[in-house]
Amino acid sequence: MQHPNVPDLTARQLHAVLAVAEYNSFIAAAAFLKTSQPALTRTIKRVEDVLGVRLFDRSTRRVVITAAGKEFVAVAERMLNDLRISVSSMRAIGQEQRGQIIISSIMSVATGLLPAIVAKYRSSRPGIDIVLREGVHGTVLEDIRNGTADLGATYVDDLPDFVEAKRVSREKFDVILSRSHPLAKIAKRSSVTLGDLVDFPLVSLPYESRTRRIIDGAAAAAGHTLHHVATVTQFATMVSFVRTGIGIAIVPAGAVAGLLGKDLAVLTLAKPRLSRNVGLIWLRERELSPAARGFAIIFERVWRAVNN
């Protein structure tokens, strides 16, 4: 039965879209697909008509993918990959011995416990390929919304209606700094407040990251203005900046656990004690594959074992 809201597209048409996106050329894509250029042009036009959007802007000189085209390519890749896996071996997928899981993760989880979780999962499922996409919280939500990722490892507070979530842990924030820093030299000091940090330069994540917004929001609520002197996009870079004395950093406790050395100190951030709920999310309307369900179980098991 044909559902009225489901576009009538074939695997061959999806392959055609992906080929044009890959080669940025109808001539090269047609050669790859072993078809004629006019036939390929008609196929792309048919897909665009069905979707009601233009996927490519083309002229006599070049082909440029549109914003809608980029989003559709991600979905098409996912659809074809799911179909390929299902056709190749339904039994193997059911036993979590073959397949692929695409995980979209915030950077603090990706650089924290995720490597150990992936290692644990693949020790018993070596046939499952893991694809990791790293970004900020908003990127993870978008990857889940458009179907690019099976699972998202991110914050699970205040989520939109299109996702299901499983809370795994509540992670607190710490301050990392050089052992030669004045705050670290105070005898027997193990904690600091946001007020203690206002006079010191900070190395921070971009403003659009949830971690940065949590920190800035807490500072504003307490009447403080923090001094962000360097903005980086990776926790490994942040630690390097702190190590060289550029500034101190406020980070989720698990984000830099494997990056610290003897030259850096960790102080508890108190008053306020900042924290965030971390867990897994997935698309509400999409059933998880057996491999993704198995990964979710391992994720929770390893995370709780480390944090309890």
Protein backbone atom coordinates (compact mmCIF):
# COMPACT_ATOMS: atom_id res chain seq x y z
CA MET A 1 0.00 0.00 0.00
CA GLN A 2 1.39 3.41 -1.01
CA HIS A 3 1.20 6.00 1.77
CA PRO A 4 0.45 9.52 0.47
CA ASN A 5 3.14 11.22 2.58
CA VAL A 6 5.94 8.82 1.63
CA PRO A 7 7.90 9.95 -1.47
CA ASP A 8 7.94 7.42 -4.30
CA LEU A 9 11.70 7.07 -4.75
CA THR A 10 13.80 4.06 -5.73
CA ALA A 11 17.24 2.98 -4.61
CA ARG A 12 18.50 3.72 -8.11
CA GLN A 13 17.30 7.30 -7.81
CA LEU A 14 18.96 7.69 -4.41
CA HIS A 15 22.22 6.34 -5.84
CA ALA A 16 21.95 8.90 -8.64
CA VAL A 17 21.63 11.78 -6.15
CA LEU A 18 24.61 10.54 -4.16
CA ALA A 19 26.74 10.17 -7.28
CA VAL A 20 26.07 13.74 -8.44
CA ALA A 21 26.77 15.03 -4.92
CA GLU A 22 30.03 13.07 -4.82
CA TYR A 23 31.38 14.11 -8.23
CA ASN A 24 29.78 17.59 -8.53
CA SER A 25 29.36 16.70 -12.19
CA PHE A 26 26.59 15.05 -14.19
CA ILE A 27 29.12 13.77 -16.73
CA ALA A 28 31.36 12.11 -14.12
CA ALA A 29 28.39 10.77 -12.15
CA ALA A 30 26.83 9.31 -15.30
CA ALA A 31 30.09 7.57 -16.14
CA PHE A 32 30.30 6.13 -12.64
CA LEU A 33 26.71 4.89 -12.79
CA LYS A 34 27.21 3.56 -16.34
CA THR A 35 24.29 5.55 -17.71
CA SER A 36 23.87 8.49 -20.06
CA GLN A 37 23.98 12.08 -18.93
CA PRO A 38 20.45 12.86 -20.23
CA ALA A 39 19.08 9.83 -18.37
CA LEU A 40 20.81 10.93 -15.16
CA THR A 41 19.48 14.47 -15.58
CA ARG A 42 15.94 13.11 -15.91
CA THR A 43 16.41 10.98 -12.81
CA ILE A 44 17.57 13.94 -10.71
CA LYS A 45 14.70 16.06 -12.05
CA ARG A 46 12.26 13.31 -11.06
CA VAL A 47 13.63 13.21 -7.49
CA GLU A 48 13.44 17.01 -7.22
CA ASP A 49 9.83 16.94 -8.46
CA VAL A 50 8.86 14.31 -5.90
CA LEU A 51 10.54 16.19 -3.04
CA GLY A 52 9.40 19.60 -4.18
CA VAL A 53 12.85 21.14 -3.69
CA ARG A 54 15.90 21.77 -5.83
CA LEU A 55 18.83 19.54 -4.87
CA PHE A 56 21.45 20.96 -7.24
CA ASP A 57 22.07 24.31 -8.89
CA ARG A 58 23.59 23.57 -12.29
CA SER A 59 24.97 25.65 -15.09
CA THR A 60 27.00 24.88 -18.18
CA ARG A 61 30.16 25.16 -16.09
CA ARG A 62 29.50 23.51 -12.74
CA VAL A 63 27.09 21.76 -10.36
CA VAL A 64 26.58 23.02 -6.79
CA ILE A 65 24.57 21.15 -4.17
CA THR A 66 21.91 23.20 -2.36
CA ALA A 67 21.24 23.28 1.38
CA ALA A 68 18.22 21.02 0.85
CA GLY A 69 20.41 18.75 -1.24
CA LYS A 70 22.97 18.38 1.55
CA GLU A 71 20.28 17.34 4.01
CA PHE A 72 18.71 14.90 1.57
CA VAL A 73 22.10 13.35 0.75
CA ALA A 74 22.59 12.56 4.45
CA VAL A 75 19.18 10.90 4.58
CA ALA A 76 19.73 9.05 1.29
CA GLU A 77 23.07 7.69 2.51
CA ARG A 78 21.40 6.46 5.65
CA MET A 79 18.47 4.87 3.77
CA LEU A 80 20.72 3.04 1.33
CA ASN A 81 23.05 1.89 4.08
CA ASP A 82 20.12 0.51 6.09
CA LEU A 83 18.77 -1.26 3.00
CA ARG A 84 22.19 -2.68 2.11
CA ILE A 85 22.70 -4.06 5.60
CA SER A 86 19.21 -5.56 5.76
CA VAL A 87 19.48 -7.29 2.39
CA SER A 88 22.97 -8.62 3.01
CA SER A 89 22.24 -10.47 6.23
CA MET A 90 19.16 -10.06 8.40
CA ARG A 91 20.27 -12.85 10.70
CA ALA A 92 23.70 -11.36 11.31
CA ILE A 93 22.18 -8.01 12.17
CA GLY A 94 19.77 -9.63 14.59
CA GLN A 95 22.72 -11.19 16.38
CA GLU A 96 24.69 -7.89 16.40
CA GLN A 97 27.50 -9.47 14.42
CA ARG A 98 27.35 -7.29 11.31
CA GLY A 99 26.30 -3.75 10.61
CA GLN A 100 27.02 -0.15 11.46
CA ILE A 101 26.12 2.27 14.23
CA ILE A 102 26.37 6.01 13.69
CA ILE A 103 26.79 7.88 16.96
CA SER A 104 26.60 11.65 17.25
CA SER A 105 28.27 12.87 20.43
CA ILE A 106 29.04 16.07 22.25
CA MET A 107 32.80 16.53 22.52
CA SER A 108 33.03 16.02 26.27
CA VAL A 109 31.60 12.50 25.96
CA ALA A 110 33.60 11.74 22.80
CA THR A 111 36.89 12.59 24.52
CA GLY A 112 35.83 11.14 27.87
CA LEU A 113 34.27 7.70 28.34
CA LEU A 114 33.12 6.99 24.78
CA PRO A 115 36.40 5.34 23.62
CA ALA A 116 36.19 2.84 26.50
CA ILE A 117 32.52 2.20 25.73
CA VAL A 118 33.23 1.55 22.04
CA ALA A 119 36.13 -0.76 22.94
CA LYS A 120 33.91 -2.74 25.31
CA TYR A 121 31.16 -3.04 22.72
CA ARG A 122 33.44 -4.15 19.88
CA SER A 123 35.24 -6.72 22.03
CA SER A 124 32.15 -8.93 21.66
CA ARG A 125 30.84 -7.53 18.36
CA PRO A 126 33.86 -7.07 16.07
CA GLY A 127 31.69 -7.07 12.97
CA ILE A 128 29.91 -3.85 13.91
CA ASP A 129 31.44 -0.69 12.47
CA ILE A 130 31.24 2.45 14.62
CA VAL A 131 30.99 5.87 12.97
CA LEU A 132 31.42 8.82 15.34
CA ARG A 133 30.26 12.35 14.61
CA GLU A 134 31.45 14.97 17.11
CA GLY A 135 29.87 18.36 17.70
CA VAL A 136 27.97 20.59 20.09
CA HIS A 137 24.60 19.70 21.59
CA GLY A 138 22.68 21.36 18.76
CA THR A 139 24.60 19.35 16.17
CA VAL A 140 23.74 16.10 17.95
CA LEU A 141 20.04 17.01 18.01
CA GLU A 142 20.09 17.80 14.30
CA ASP A 143 21.85 14.51 13.49
CA ILE A 144 19.08 12.66 15.31
CA ARG A 145 16.29 14.75 13.81
CA ASN A 146 17.38 14.23 10.19
CA GLY A 147 18.20 10.54 10.65
CA THR A 148 21.94 10.84 10.13
CA ALA A 149 22.75 9.18 13.48
CA ASP A 150 21.26 6.18 15.25
CA LEU A 151 22.13 7.42 18.73
CA GLY A 152 23.13 10.71 20.29
CA ALA A 153 25.33 10.98 23.38
CA THR A 154 24.54 14.36 24.87
CA TYR A 155 22.68 16.33 27.53
CA VAL A 156 19.19 15.03 28.23
CA ASP A 157 17.69 18.11 29.87
CA ASP A 158 14.97 20.13 28.07
CA LEU A 159 14.89 18.00 24.93
CA PRO A 160 12.54 18.56 21.95
CA ASP A 161 9.54 16.29 21.41
CA PHE A 162 11.04 14.35 18.49
CA VAL A 163 13.55 12.46 20.65
CA GLU A 164 13.45 9.69 23.23
CA ALA A 165 16.08 9.83 25.95
CA LYS A 166 17.78 7.64 28.53
CA ARG A 167 19.49 9.46 31.39
CA VAL A 168 22.73 7.72 32.38
CA SER A 169 24.53 10.07 34.75
CA ARG A 170 24.66 13.53 36.29
CA GLU A 171 28.09 14.97 35.59
CA LYS A 172 29.52 17.83 37.65
CA PHE A 173 31.87 20.61 36.57
CA ASP A 174 35.45 21.11 37.76
CA VAL A 175 38.14 23.73 37.24
CA ILE A 176 41.47 22.74 35.69
CA LEU A 177 44.54 24.92 36.03
CA SER A 178 48.29 24.80 36.19
CA ARG A 179 49.76 23.70 39.52
CA SER A 180 51.72 26.95 39.50
CA HIS A 181 48.51 29.01 39.30
CA PRO A 182 47.78 31.19 42.37
CA LEU A 183 44.50 29.37 43.04
CA ALA A 184 46.26 26.01 43.06
CA LYS A 185 48.97 27.20 45.46
CA ILE A 186 46.60 28.01 48.31
CA ALA A 187 47.31 25.41 50.99
CA LYS A 188 44.82 22.54 51.21
CA ARG A 189 42.43 24.22 48.82
CA SER A 190 40.27 21.72 46.92
CA SER A 191 37.40 23.86 45.69
CA VAL A 192 36.65 27.30 44.27
CA THR A 193 33.55 29.38 43.57
CA LEU A 194 32.64 31.24 40.41
CA GLY A 195 33.38 34.42 42.32
CA ASP A 196 36.97 33.24 42.84
CA LEU A 197 37.42 32.97 39.06
CA VAL A 198 36.28 36.39 37.86
CA ASP A 199 39.76 37.93 38.01
CA PHE A 200 41.42 35.15 36.01
CA PRO A 201 41.43 34.55 32.23
CA LEU A 202 39.40 31.56 31.01
CA VAL A 203 39.88 29.15 28.13
CA SER A 204 36.38 28.25 26.98
CA LEU A 205 34.27 26.43 24.42
CA PRO A 206 32.27 28.42 21.84
CA TYR A 207 29.26 30.39 23.06
CA GLU A 208 26.85 28.13 21.15
CA SER A 209 27.94 25.06 23.11
CA ARG A 210 25.67 23.95 25.96
CA THR A 211 28.65 23.74 28.34
CA ARG A 212 29.50 27.40 27.76
CA ARG A 213 25.89 28.49 28.17
CA ILE A 214 25.57 26.59 31.46
CA ILE A 215 28.68 28.32 32.79
CA ASP A 216 27.79 31.81 31.57
CA GLY A 217 24.21 31.43 32.77
CA ALA A 218 25.34 30.50 36.28
CA ALA A 219 27.79 33.40 36.36
CA ALA A 220 25.13 35.89 35.25
CA ALA A 221 22.70 34.55 37.86
CA ALA A 222 25.34 35.12 40.54
CA GLY A 223 26.11 38.63 39.27
CA HIS A 224 29.56 37.73 37.91
CA THR A 225 31.19 38.42 34.55
CA LEU A 226 33.73 35.83 33.48
CA HIS A 227 36.79 36.78 31.45
CA HIS A 228 36.89 34.50 28.37
CA VAL A 229 40.23 35.19 26.68
CA ALA A 230 40.47 32.15 24.37
CA THR A 231 37.78 30.10 22.64
CA VAL A 232 38.53 26.59 21.38
CA THR A 233 36.40 23.79 19.95
CA GLN A 234 38.12 20.72 21.39
CA PHE A 235 38.81 19.73 24.99
CA ALA A 236 42.29 18.47 24.06
CA THR A 237 43.10 21.95 22.77
CA MET A 238 41.62 23.49 25.89
CA VAL A 239 43.90 21.40 28.11
CA SER A 240 46.92 22.39 26.00
CA PHE A 241 46.01 26.07 26.39
CA VAL A 242 45.67 25.65 30.16
CA ARG A 243 48.97 23.81 30.31
CA THR A 244 50.79 26.69 28.63
CA GLY A 245 49.33 29.22 31.09
CA ILE A 246 46.90 31.00 28.76
CA GLY A 247 44.12 30.60 31.28
CA ILE A 248 42.13 28.25 33.46
CA ALA A 249 39.10 26.23 32.31
CA ILE A 250 35.73 25.11 33.68
CA VAL A 251 34.92 21.65 32.31
CA PRO A 252 32.60 18.68 32.83
CA ALA A 253 34.49 16.33 35.13
CA GLY A 254 34.67 13.42 32.71
CA ALA A 255 35.60 15.44 29.64
CA VAL A 256 39.33 15.74 30.32
CA ALA A 257 40.00 12.78 32.60
CA GLY A 258 42.43 11.17 30.18
CA LEU A 259 44.09 14.42 29.14
CA LEU A 260 45.46 15.68 32.45
CA GLY A 261 49.05 15.25 33.60
CA LYS A 262 50.99 15.87 36.79
CA ASP A 263 51.46 19.52 35.84
CA LEU A 264 47.73 20.30 36.06
CA ALA A 265 45.49 20.53 39.11
CA VAL A 266 41.75 19.92 39.39
CA LEU A 267 39.60 21.92 41.81
CA THR A 268 35.93 21.31 42.54
CA LEU A 269 33.67 24.13 41.36
CA ALA A 270 31.35 24.98 44.25
CA LYS A 271 28.75 27.68 44.90
CA PRO A 272 27.11 27.03 42.56
CA ARG A 273 27.84 23.36 41.98
CA LEU A 274 27.19 23.11 38.25
CA SER A 275 26.12 19.82 36.68
CA ARG A 276 24.28 18.40 33.71
CA ASN A 277 22.35 15.21 32.95
CA VAL A 278 24.07 13.09 30.32
CA GLY A 279 22.65 10.15 28.43
CA LEU A 280 21.57 8.77 25.08
CA ILE A 281 18.91 10.09 22.71
CA TRP A 282 17.32 8.66 19.57
CA LEU A 283 14.53 9.56 17.16
CA ARG A 284 11.14 8.86 18.71
CA GLU A 285 9.56 7.65 15.46
CA ARG A 286 12.43 5.32 14.52
CA GLU A 287 12.99 1.92 16.09
CA LEU A 288 16.55 1.26 17.16
CA SER A 289 18.41 -1.47 15.32
CA PRO A 290 19.56 -4.49 17.37
CA ALA A 291 23.13 -3.19 17.15
CA ALA A 292 22.11 0.26 18.43
CA ARG A 293 20.09 -1.27 21.27
CA GLY A 294 23.08 -3.38 22.25
CA PHE A 295 25.33 -0.34 22.20
CA ALA A 296 22.91 1.58 24.43
CA ILE A 297 23.07 -1.22 27.01
CA ILE A 298 26.90 -1.24 27.00
CA PHE A 299 26.99 2.58 27.15
CA GLU A 300 24.90 2.65 30.32
CA ARG A 301 26.73 -0.28 31.91
CA VAL A 302 30.23 1.15 31.40
CA TRP A 303 29.23 4.70 32.36
CA ARG A 304 27.60 3.63 35.61
CA ALA A 305 30.50 1.34 36.49
CA VAL A 306 32.97 4.22 36.16
CA ASN A 307 30.87 6.82 37.96
CA ASN A 308 29.51 4.71 40.82
